[in-house]
Amino acid sequence: DPEQPGDYVRDAQGNVVKTKLETGVLQQLASGTGGRFVKLGTQPLN
């Protein structure tokens, strides 16, 4: 939580929010336009 140092973002019920990579929409955009989907790893994006 950037507004509460040491704390974490919580939902309306006070539960800590956990976020994960959602690839569905990203893959939809890439495949629908003839593009490409990649994951950003620890190496630079060449």
All heavy atoms as atom14 arrays in JSON, in Angstrom:
{
  "sequence": "DPEQPGDYVRDAQGNVVKTKLETGVLQQLASGTGGRFVKLGTQPLN",
  "atom14_mask": [
    [1, 1, 1, 1, 1, 1, 1, 1, 0, 0, 0, 0, 0, 0],
    [1, 1, 1, 1, 1, 1, 1, 0, 0, 0, 0, 0, 0, 0],
    [1, 1, 1, 1, 1, 1, 1, 1, 1, 0, 0, 0, 0, 0],
    [1, 1, 1, 1, 1, 1, 1, 1, 1, 0, 0, 0, 0, 0],
    [1, 1, 1, 1, 1, 1, 1, 0, 0, 0, 0, 0, 0, 0],
    [1, 1, 1, 1, 0, 0, 0, 0, 0, 0, 0, 0, 0, 0],
    [1, 1, 1, 1, 1, 1, 1, 1, 0, 0, 0, 0, 0, 0],
    [1, 1, 1, 1, 1, 1, 1, 1, 1, 1, 1, 1, 0, 0],
    [1, 1, 1, 1, 1, 1, 1, 0, 0, 0, 0, 0, 0, 0],
    [1, 1, 1, 1, 1, 1, 1, 1, 1, 1, 1, 0, 0, 0],
    [1, 1, 1, 1, 1, 1, 1, 1, 0, 0, 0, 0, 0, 0],
    [1, 1, 1, 1, 1, 0, 0, 0, 0, 0, 0, 0, 0, 0],
    [1, 1, 1, 1, 1, 1, 1, 1, 1, 0, 0, 0, 0, 0],
    [1, 1, 1, 1, 0, 0, 0, 0, 0, 0, 0, 0, 0, 0],
    [1, 1, 1, 1, 1, 1, 1, 1, 0, 0, 0, 0, 0, 0],
    [1, 1, 1, 1, 1, 1, 1, 0, 0, 0, 0, 0, 0, 0],
    [1, 1, 1, 1, 1, 1, 1, 0, 0, 0, 0, 0, 0, 0],
    [1, 1, 1, 1, 1, 1, 1, 1, 1, 0, 0, 0, 0, 0],
    [1, 1, 1, 1, 1, 1, 1, 0, 0, 0, 0, 0, 0, 0],
    [1, 1, 1, 1, 1, 1, 1, 1, 1, 0, 0, 0, 0, 0],
    [1, 1, 1, 1, 1, 1, 1, 1, 0, 0, 0, 0, 0, 0],
    [1, 1, 1, 1, 1, 1, 1, 1, 1, 0, 0, 0, 0, 0],
    [1, 1, 1, 1, 1, 1, 1, 0, 0, 0, 0, 0, 0, 0],
    [1, 1, 1, 1, 0, 0, 0, 0, 0, 0, 0, 0, 0, 0],
    [1, 1, 1, 1, 1, 1, 1, 0, 0, 0, 0, 0, 0, 0],
    [1, 1, 1, 1, 1, 1, 1, 1, 0, 0, 0, 0, 0, 0],
    [1, 1, 1, 1, 1, 1, 1, 1, 1, 0, 0, 0, 0, 0],
    [1, 1, 1, 1, 1, 1, 1, 1, 1, 0, 0, 0, 0, 0],
    [1, 1, 1, 1, 1, 1, 1, 1, 0, 0, 0, 0, 0, 0],
    [1, 1, 1, 1, 1, 0, 0, 0, 0, 0, 0, 0, 0, 0],
    [1, 1, 1, 1, 1, 1, 0, 0, 0, 0, 0, 0, 0, 0],
    [1, 1, 1, 1, 0, 0, 0, 0, 0, 0, 0, 0, 0, 0],
    [1, 1, 1, 1, 1, 1, 1, 0, 0, 0, 0, 0, 0, 0],
    [1, 1, 1, 1, 0, 0, 0, 0, 0, 0, 0, 0, 0, 0],
    [1, 1, 1, 1, 0, 0, 0, 0, 0, 0, 0, 0, 0, 0],
    [1, 1, 1, 1, 1, 1, 1, 1, 1, 1, 1, 0, 0, 0],
    [1, 1, 1, 1, 1, 1, 1, 1, 1, 1, 1, 0, 0, 0],
    [1, 1, 1, 1, 1, 1, 1, 0, 0, 0, 0, 0, 0, 0],
    [1, 1, 1, 1, 1, 1, 1, 1, 1, 0, 0, 0, 0, 0],
    [1, 1, 1, 1, 1, 1, 1, 1, 0, 0, 0, 0, 0, 0],
    [1, 1, 1, 1, 0, 0, 0, 0, 0, 0, 0, 0, 0, 0],
    [1, 1, 1, 1, 1, 1, 1, 0, 0, 0, 0, 0, 0, 0],
    [1, 1, 1, 1, 1, 1, 1, 1, 1, 0, 0, 0, 0, 0],
    [1, 1, 1, 1, 1, 1, 1, 0, 0, 0, 0, 0, 0, 0],
    [1, 1, 1, 1, 1, 1, 1, 1, 0, 0, 0, 0, 0, 0],
    [1, 1, 1, 1, 1, 1, 1, 1, 0, 0, 0, 0, 0, 0]
  ],
  "atom14_positions": [
    [[0.85, -1.18, 0.0], [0.0, 0.0, 0.0], [0.88, 1.24, 0.0], [1.58, 1.5, 0.99], [-0.91, 0.0, 1.23], [-2.0, 1.08, 1.14], [-1.85, 1.99, 0.3], [-2.98, 1.0, 1.91], [0.0, 0.0, 0.0], [0.0, 0.0, 0.0], [0.0, 0.0, 0.0], [0.0, 0.0, 0.0], [0.0, 0.0, 0.0], [0.0, 0.0, 0.0]],
    [[0.9, 2.02, -1.09], [1.78, 3.19, -1.14], [1.38, 4.28, -0.16], [2.2, 5.13, 0.2], [1.64, 3.67, -2.59], [0.32, 3.15, -3.04], [0.12, 1.85, -2.33], [0.0, 0.0, 0.0], [0.0, 0.0, 0.0], [0.0, 0.0, 0.0], [0.0, 0.0, 0.0], [0.0, 0.0, 0.0], [0.0, 0.0, 0.0], [0.0, 0.0, 0.0]],
    [[0.13, 4.25, 0.29], [-0.35, 5.27, 1.23], [-0.15, 4.86, 2.68], [-0.22, 5.7, 3.58], [-1.82, 5.57, 0.96], [-2.08, 6.11, -0.44], [-3.56, 6.32, -0.7], [-4.36, 6.03, 0.22], [-3.9, 6.78, -1.81], [0.0, 0.0, 0.0], [0.0, 0.0, 0.0], [0.0, 0.0, 0.0], [0.0, 0.0, 0.0], [0.0, 0.0, 0.0]],
    [[0.07, 3.58, 2.93], [0.28, 3.08, 4.29], [1.57, 2.24, 4.28], [1.52, 1.02, 4.08], [-0.91, 2.22, 4.75], [-2.23, 2.95, 4.8], [-2.29, 3.98, 5.93], [-1.57, 3.86, 6.93], [-3.11, 5.0, 5.77], [0.0, 0.0, 0.0], [0.0, 0.0, 0.0], [0.0, 0.0, 0.0], [0.0, 0.0, 0.0], [0.0, 0.0, 0.0]],
    [[2.71, 2.85, 4.47], [3.97, 2.09, 4.44], [3.93, 0.94, 5.44], [3.51, 1.09, 6.59], [5.02, 3.14, 4.83], [4.4, 4.45, 4.47], [2.93, 4.29, 4.71], [0.0, 0.0, 0.0], [0.0, 0.0, 0.0], [0.0, 0.0, 0.0], [0.0, 0.0, 0.0], [0.0, 0.0, 0.0], [0.0, 0.0, 0.0], [0.0, 0.0, 0.0]],
    [[4.35, -0.22, 4.98], [4.35, -1.41, 5.82], [3.07, -2.21, 5.73], [3.01, -3.34, 6.22], [0.0, 0.0, 0.0], [0.0, 0.0, 0.0], [0.0, 0.0, 0.0], [0.0, 0.0, 0.0], [0.0, 0.0, 0.0], [0.0, 0.0, 0.0], [0.0, 0.0, 0.0], [0.0, 0.0, 0.0], [0.0, 0.0, 0.0], [0.0, 0.0, 0.0]],
    [[2.03, -1.66, 5.12], [0.76, -2.37, 4.98], [0.57, -2.75, 3.51], [1.38, -2.41, 2.65], [-0.4, -1.49, 5.46], [-1.66, -2.31, 5.75], [-1.6, -3.55, 5.61], [-2.68, -1.69, 6.11], [0.0, 0.0, 0.0], [0.0, 0.0, 0.0], [0.0, 0.0, 0.0], [0.0, 0.0, 0.0], [0.0, 0.0, 0.0], [0.0, 0.0, 0.0]],
    [[-0.54, -3.43, 3.22], [-0.82, -3.91, 1.87], [-2.22, -3.48, 1.46], [-3.08, -3.17, 2.31], [-0.67, -5.43, 1.8], [0.72, -5.9, 2.16], [1.05, -6.26, 3.46], [1.71, -5.96, 1.19], [2.33, -6.68, 3.79], [3.0, -6.39, 1.5], [3.3, -6.74, 2.81], [4.58, -7.14, 3.11], [0.0, 0.0, 0.0], [0.0, 0.0, 0.0]],
    [[-2.44, -3.45, 0.15], [-3.74, -3.07, -0.39], [-4.78, -4.12, 0.03], [-4.55, -5.32, -0.1], [-3.68, -2.94, -1.92], [-5.07, -2.65, -2.49], [-2.7, -1.83, -2.33], [0.0, 0.0, 0.0], [0.0, 0.0, 0.0], [0.0, 0.0, 0.0], [0.0, 0.0, 0.0], [0.0, 0.0, 0.0], [0.0, 0.0, 0.0], [0.0, 0.0, 0.0]],
    [[-5.94, -3.63, 0.53], [-7.0, -4.53, 1.0], [-8.3, -4.22, 0.25], [-8.51, -3.11, -0.24], [-7.21, -4.35, 2.5], [-5.95, -4.68, 3.32], [-6.16, -4.39, 4.81], [-4.94, -4.64, 5.56], [-4.59, -5.82, 6.08], [-5.42, -6.86, 5.92], [-3.47, -5.96, 6.77], [0.0, 0.0, 0.0], [0.0, 0.0, 0.0], [0.0, 0.0, 0.0]],
    [[-9.16, -5.24, 0.19], [-10.46, -5.05, -0.45], [-11.45, -4.45, 0.53], [-11.08, -4.06, 1.66], [-10.97, -6.37, -1.02], [-11.11, -7.45, 0.06], [-11.14, -7.09, 1.26], [-11.17, -8.64, -0.3], [0.0, 0.0, 0.0], [0.0, 0.0, 0.0], [0.0, 0.0, 0.0], [0.0, 0.0, 0.0], [0.0, 0.0, 0.0], [0.0, 0.0, 0.0]],
    [[-12.73, -4.35, 0.11], [-13.75, -3.73, 0.96], [-13.96, -4.48, 2.27], [-14.37, -3.89, 3.29], [-15.06, -3.63, 0.19], [0.0, 0.0, 0.0], [0.0, 0.0, 0.0], [0.0, 0.0, 0.0], [0.0, 0.0, 0.0], [0.0, 0.0, 0.0], [0.0, 0.0, 0.0], [0.0, 0.0, 0.0], [0.0, 0.0, 0.0], [0.0, 0.0, 0.0]],
    [[-13.7, -5.76, 2.29], [-13.87, -6.56, 3.5], [-12.62, -6.56, 4.38], [-12.59, -7.21, 5.42], [-14.22, -8.0, 3.13], [-15.63, -8.18, 2.59], [-15.76, -7.65, 1.17], [-14.81, -7.72, 0.39], [-16.93, -7.1, 0.83], [0.0, 0.0, 0.0], [0.0, 0.0, 0.0], [0.0, 0.0, 0.0], [0.0, 0.0, 0.0], [0.0, 0.0, 0.0]],
    [[-11.57, -5.85, 3.95], [-10.35, -5.78, 4.74], [-9.37, -6.89, 4.45], [-8.36, -7.01, 5.15], [0.0, 0.0, 0.0], [0.0, 0.0, 0.0], [0.0, 0.0, 0.0], [0.0, 0.0, 0.0], [0.0, 0.0, 0.0], [0.0, 0.0, 0.0], [0.0, 0.0, 0.0], [0.0, 0.0, 0.0], [0.0, 0.0, 0.0], [0.0, 0.0, 0.0]],
    [[-9.62, -7.69, 3.45], [-8.71, -8.77, 3.1], [-7.58, -8.25, 2.2], [-7.8, -7.38, 1.34], [-9.46, -9.89, 2.38], [-10.55, -10.49, 3.24], [-10.37, -10.72, 4.43], [-11.72, -10.73, 2.63], [0.0, 0.0, 0.0], [0.0, 0.0, 0.0], [0.0, 0.0, 0.0], [0.0, 0.0, 0.0], [0.0, 0.0, 0.0], [0.0, 0.0, 0.0]],
    [[-6.39, -8.77, 2.42], [-5.24, -8.38, 1.61], [-5.45, -8.86, 0.18], [-5.81, -10.02, -0.06], [-3.93, -8.96, 2.18], [-2.76, -8.66, 1.25], [-3.66, -8.4, 3.57], [0.0, 0.0, 0.0], [0.0, 0.0, 0.0], [0.0, 0.0, 0.0], [0.0, 0.0, 0.0], [0.0, 0.0, 0.0], [0.0, 0.0, 0.0], [0.0, 0.0, 0.0]],
    [[-5.24, -7.95, -0.78], [-5.45, -8.27, -2.2], [-4.18, -8.9, -2.77], [-3.08, -8.37, -2.62], [-5.82, -7.01, -3.0], [-5.93, -7.33, -4.48], [-7.11, -6.4, -2.46], [0.0, 0.0, 0.0], [0.0, 0.0, 0.0], [0.0, 0.0, 0.0], [0.0, 0.0, 0.0], [0.0, 0.0, 0.0], [0.0, 0.0, 0.0], [0.0, 0.0, 0.0]],
    [[-4.37, -10.01, -3.43], [-3.26, -10.67, -4.12], [-3.5, -10.6, -5.63], [-4.58, -10.94, -6.1], [-3.14, -12.13, -3.67], [-1.94, -12.85, -4.28], [-1.83, -14.27, -3.75], [-0.61, -14.97, -4.3], [-0.48, -16.36, -3.8], [0.0, 0.0, 0.0], [0.0, 0.0, 0.0], [0.0, 0.0, 0.0], [0.0, 0.0, 0.0], [0.0, 0.0, 0.0]],
    [[-2.52, -10.14, -6.35], [-2.65, -10.0, -7.8], [-1.72, -10.97, -8.5], [-0.62, -11.26, -8.02], [-2.32, -8.56, -8.24], [-2.39, -8.47, -9.67], [-0.93, -8.15, -7.8], [0.0, 0.0, 0.0], [0.0, 0.0, 0.0], [0.0, 0.0, 0.0], [0.0, 0.0, 0.0], [0.0, 0.0, 0.0], [0.0, 0.0, 0.0], [0.0, 0.0, 0.0]],
    [[-2.15, -11.47, -9.62], [-1.32, -12.36, -10.42], [-1.44, -11.98, -11.89], [-2.35, -11.23, -12.28], [-1.72, -13.81, -10.21], [-3.15, -14.14, -10.63], [-3.45, -15.61, -10.38], [-4.88, -15.96, -10.84], [-5.17, -17.41, -10.64], [0.0, 0.0, 0.0], [0.0, 0.0, 0.0], [0.0, 0.0, 0.0], [0.0, 0.0, 0.0], [0.0, 0.0, 0.0]],
    [[-0.52, -12.47, -12.67], [-0.52, -12.16, -14.09], [-1.73, -12.8, -14.77], [-1.92, -14.0, -14.72], [0.78, -12.68, -14.74], [0.89, -12.54, -16.26], [0.83, -11.08, -16.68], [2.19, -13.19, -16.76], [0.0, 0.0, 0.0], [0.0, 0.0, 0.0], [0.0, 0.0, 0.0], [0.0, 0.0, 0.0], [0.0, 0.0, 0.0], [0.0, 0.0, 0.0]],
    [[-2.56, -11.94, -15.4], [-3.74, -12.39, -16.15], [-3.4, -12.3, -17.63], [-3.35, -11.22, -18.21], [-4.95, -11.52, -15.81], [-5.35, -11.51, -14.35], [-6.01, -12.82, -13.92], [-6.31, -13.66, -14.8], [-6.22, -13.01, -12.7], [0.0, 0.0, 0.0], [0.0, 0.0, 0.0], [0.0, 0.0, 0.0], [0.0, 0.0, 0.0], [0.0, 0.0, 0.0]],
    [[-3.16, -13.43, -18.25], [-2.7, -13.44, -19.63], [-3.82, -13.49, -20.66], [-3.56, -13.28, -21.84], [-1.77, -14.65, -19.86], [-2.52, -15.86, -19.66], [-0.59, -14.62, -18.9], [0.0, 0.0, 0.0], [0.0, 0.0, 0.0], [0.0, 0.0, 0.0], [0.0, 0.0, 0.0], [0.0, 0.0, 0.0], [0.0, 0.0, 0.0], [0.0, 0.0, 0.0]],
    [[-5.06, -13.75, -20.2], [-6.16, -13.95, -21.16], [-6.37, -12.79, -22.1], [-6.37, -12.95, -23.33], [0.0, 0.0, 0.0], [0.0, 0.0, 0.0], [0.0, 0.0, 0.0], [0.0, 0.0, 0.0], [0.0, 0.0, 0.0], [0.0, 0.0, 0.0], [0.0, 0.0, 0.0], [0.0, 0.0, 0.0], [0.0, 0.0, 0.0], [0.0, 0.0, 0.0]],
    [[-6.57, -11.59, -21.54], [-6.84, -10.41, -22.38], [-5.63, -10.08, -23.23], [-5.77, -9.69, -24.41], [-7.24, -9.22, -21.49], [-7.4, -7.96, -22.34], [-8.52, -9.51, -20.74], [0.0, 0.0, 0.0], [0.0, 0.0, 0.0], [0.0, 0.0, 0.0], [0.0, 0.0, 0.0], [0.0, 0.0, 0.0], [0.0, 0.0, 0.0], [0.0, 0.0, 0.0]],
    [[-4.42, -10.2, -22.67], [-3.21, -9.89, -23.43], [-3.05, -10.82, -24.63], [-2.72, -10.38, -25.73], [-1.99, -9.98, -22.51], [-1.96, -9.0, -21.32], [-0.75, -9.27, -20.44], [-1.94, -7.56, -21.82], [0.0, 0.0, 0.0], [0.0, 0.0, 0.0], [0.0, 0.0, 0.0], [0.0, 0.0, 0.0], [0.0, 0.0, 0.0], [0.0, 0.0, 0.0]],
    [[-3.29, -12.09, -24.41], [-3.2, -13.03, -25.52], [-4.29, -12.79, -26.56], [-4.06, -12.95, -27.77], [-3.28, -14.46, -24.99], [-2.05, -14.89, -24.21], [-2.17, -16.31, -23.68], [-3.28, -16.85, -23.56], [-1.05, -16.92, -23.34], [0.0, 0.0, 0.0], [0.0, 0.0, 0.0], [0.0, 0.0, 0.0], [0.0, 0.0, 0.0], [0.0, 0.0, 0.0]],
    [[-5.46, -12.36, -26.11], [-6.55, -12.05, -27.03], [-6.17, -10.88, -27.94], [-6.43, -10.91, -29.15], [-7.82, -11.72, -26.25], [-9.03, -11.41, -27.14], [-10.24, -11.0, -26.31], [-10.2, -10.96, -25.08], [-11.34, -10.7, -27.0], [0.0, 0.0, 0.0], [0.0, 0.0, 0.0], [0.0, 0.0, 0.0], [0.0, 0.0, 0.0], [0.0, 0.0, 0.0]],
    [[-5.57, -9.85, -27.37], [-5.15, -8.69, -28.16], [-4.06, -9.08, -29.17], [-4.09, -8.66, -30.32], [-4.63, -7.58, -27.24], [-5.67, -6.78, -26.47], [-5.0, -5.89, -25.43], [-6.48, -5.94, -27.43], [0.0, 0.0, 0.0], [0.0, 0.0, 0.0], [0.0, 0.0, 0.0], [0.0, 0.0, 0.0], [0.0, 0.0, 0.0], [0.0, 0.0, 0.0]],
    [[-3.1, -9.87, -28.72], [-1.99, -10.24, -29.6], [-2.46, -11.12, -30.75], [-2.15, -10.86, -31.92], [-0.9, -10.94, -28.78], [0.0, 0.0, 0.0], [0.0, 0.0, 0.0], [0.0, 0.0, 0.0], [0.0, 0.0, 0.0], [0.0, 0.0, 0.0], [0.0, 0.0, 0.0], [0.0, 0.0, 0.0], [0.0, 0.0, 0.0], [0.0, 0.0, 0.0]],
    [[-3.2, -12.16, -30.44], [-3.63, -13.09, -31.49], [-4.66, -12.45, -32.41], [-4.66, -12.71, -33.63], [-4.21, -14.35, -30.86], [-5.34, -14.03, -30.05], [0.0, 0.0, 0.0], [0.0, 0.0, 0.0], [0.0, 0.0, 0.0], [0.0, 0.0, 0.0], [0.0, 0.0, 0.0], [0.0, 0.0, 0.0], [0.0, 0.0, 0.0], [0.0, 0.0, 0.0]],
    [[-5.53, -11.58, -31.88], [-6.56, -10.96, -32.7], [-6.01, -9.97, -33.71], [-6.66, -9.7, -34.73], [0.0, 0.0, 0.0], [0.0, 0.0, 0.0], [0.0, 0.0, 0.0], [0.0, 0.0, 0.0], [0.0, 0.0, 0.0], [0.0, 0.0, 0.0], [0.0, 0.0, 0.0], [0.0, 0.0, 0.0], [0.0, 0.0, 0.0], [0.0, 0.0, 0.0]],
    [[-4.83, -9.42, -33.45], [-4.25, -8.44, -34.37], [-3.08, -9.02, -35.15], [-2.4, -8.29, -35.9], [-3.76, -7.21, -33.58], [-2.78, -7.62, -32.62], [-4.91, -6.52, -32.87], [0.0, 0.0, 0.0], [0.0, 0.0, 0.0], [0.0, 0.0, 0.0], [0.0, 0.0, 0.0], [0.0, 0.0, 0.0], [0.0, 0.0, 0.0], [0.0, 0.0, 0.0]],
    [[-2.82, -10.3, -35.0], [-1.68, -10.9, -35.7], [-0.36, -10.57, -35.06], [0.68, -10.6, -35.74], [0.0, 0.0, 0.0], [0.0, 0.0, 0.0], [0.0, 0.0, 0.0], [0.0, 0.0, 0.0], [0.0, 0.0, 0.0], [0.0, 0.0, 0.0], [0.0, 0.0, 0.0], [0.0, 0.0, 0.0], [0.0, 0.0, 0.0], [0.0, 0.0, 0.0]],
    [[-0.39, -10.25, -33.75], [0.83, -9.88, -33.06], [1.45, -11.03, -32.3], [1.41, -12.17, -32.75], [0.0, 0.0, 0.0], [0.0, 0.0, 0.0], [0.0, 0.0, 0.0], [0.0, 0.0, 0.0], [0.0, 0.0, 0.0], [0.0, 0.0, 0.0], [0.0, 0.0, 0.0], [0.0, 0.0, 0.0], [0.0, 0.0, 0.0], [0.0, 0.0, 0.0]],
    [[1.96, -10.72, -31.12], [2.7, -11.73, -30.35], [2.56, -11.45, -28.87], [2.51, -10.28, -28.45], [4.17, -11.71, -30.75], [5.0, -12.8, -30.11], [6.42, -12.76, -30.62], [7.21, -13.84, -30.05], [8.51, -14.03, -30.25], [9.17, -13.18, -31.04], [9.14, -15.03, -29.69], [0.0, 0.0, 0.0], [0.0, 0.0, 0.0], [0.0, 0.0, 0.0]],
    [[2.5, -12.5, -28.06], [2.47, -12.38, -26.6], [3.75, -12.97, -26.03], [4.16, -14.08, -26.4], [1.27, -13.12, -26.01], [1.32, -13.22, -24.5], [1.01, -12.13, -23.71], [1.7, -14.41, -23.89], [1.07, -12.22, -22.33], [1.76, -14.51, -22.51], [1.44, -13.41, -21.72], [0.0, 0.0, 0.0], [0.0, 0.0, 0.0], [0.0, 0.0, 0.0]],
    [[4.42, -12.22, -25.14], [5.63, -12.69, -24.48], [5.55, -12.33, -23.01], [4.84, -11.39, -22.61], [6.91, -12.08, -25.1], [7.1, -12.53, -26.53], [6.87, -10.55, -25.02], [0.0, 0.0, 0.0], [0.0, 0.0, 0.0], [0.0, 0.0, 0.0], [0.0, 0.0, 0.0], [0.0, 0.0, 0.0], [0.0, 0.0, 0.0], [0.0, 0.0, 0.0]],
    [[6.3, -13.06, -22.19], [6.39, -12.75, -20.78], [7.71, -12.04, -20.51], [8.75, -12.4, -21.08], [6.31, -14.03, -19.94], [4.94, -14.69, -19.94], [4.94, -15.92, -19.04], [3.58, -16.6, -19.05], [3.57, -17.82, -18.17], [0.0, 0.0, 0.0], [0.0, 0.0, 0.0], [0.0, 0.0, 0.0], [0.0, 0.0, 0.0], [0.0, 0.0, 0.0]],
    [[7.65, -11.05, -19.64], [8.85, -10.3, -19.29], [9.58, -11.04, -18.18], [9.11, -11.12, -17.05], [8.49, -8.88, -18.83], [9.67, -7.98, -18.46], [10.58, -7.77, -19.67], [9.17, -6.63, -17.95], [0.0, 0.0, 0.0], [0.0, 0.0, 0.0], [0.0, 0.0, 0.0], [0.0, 0.0, 0.0], [0.0, 0.0, 0.0], [0.0, 0.0, 0.0]],
    [[10.75, -11.58, -18.51], [11.54, -12.29, -17.52], [12.56, -11.38, -16.87], [12.43, -10.15, -16.86], [0.0, 0.0, 0.0], [0.0, 0.0, 0.0], [0.0, 0.0, 0.0], [0.0, 0.0, 0.0], [0.0, 0.0, 0.0], [0.0, 0.0, 0.0], [0.0, 0.0, 0.0], [0.0, 0.0, 0.0], [0.0, 0.0, 0.0], [0.0, 0.0, 0.0]],
    [[13.59, -11.99, -16.34], [14.64, -11.22, -15.68], [15.62, -10.62, -16.68], [16.37, -9.7, -16.34], [15.41, -12.13, -14.7], [15.96, -13.24, -15.43], [14.5, -12.63, -13.6], [0.0, 0.0, 0.0], [0.0, 0.0, 0.0], [0.0, 0.0, 0.0], [0.0, 0.0, 0.0], [0.0, 0.0, 0.0], [0.0, 0.0, 0.0], [0.0, 0.0, 0.0]],
    [[15.63, -11.12, -17.91], [16.54, -10.61, -18.93], [15.9, -9.41, -19.65], [14.68, -9.28, -19.69], [16.87, -11.7, -19.95], [17.57, -12.91, -19.35], [18.9, -12.56, -18.73], [19.64, -11.73, -19.26], [19.23, -13.19, -17.6], [0.0, 0.0, 0.0], [0.0, 0.0, 0.0], [0.0, 0.0, 0.0], [0.0, 0.0, 0.0], [0.0, 0.0, 0.0]],
    [[16.74, -8.51, -20.22], [16.2, -7.37, -20.96], [15.36, -7.85, -22.15], [15.58, -8.93, -22.7], [17.45, -6.62, -21.43], [18.54, -7.05, -20.51], [18.22, -8.47, -20.12], [0.0, 0.0, 0.0], [0.0, 0.0, 0.0], [0.0, 0.0, 0.0], [0.0, 0.0, 0.0], [0.0, 0.0, 0.0], [0.0, 0.0, 0.0], [0.0, 0.0, 0.0]],
    [[14.38, -7.02, -22.52], [13.54, -7.33, -23.68], [14.31, -6.96, -24.94], [14.48, -5.8, -25.27], [12.23, -6.55, -23.61], [11.22, -6.84, -24.72], [10.73, -8.27, -24.61], [10.06, -5.87, -24.66], [0.0, 0.0, 0.0], [0.0, 0.0, 0.0], [0.0, 0.0, 0.0], [0.0, 0.0, 0.0], [0.0, 0.0, 0.0], [0.0, 0.0, 0.0]],
    [[14.81, -7.96, -25.63], [15.61, -7.72, -26.82], [14.75, -7.3, -28.01], [13.56, -7.65, -28.09], [16.42, -8.97, -27.19], [17.45, -9.32, -26.13], [18.03, -8.43, -25.52], [17.65, -10.6, -25.91], [0.0, 0.0, 0.0], [0.0, 0.0, 0.0], [0.0, 0.0, 0.0], [0.0, 0.0, 0.0], [0.0, 0.0, 0.0], [0.0, 0.0, 0.0]]
  ]
}
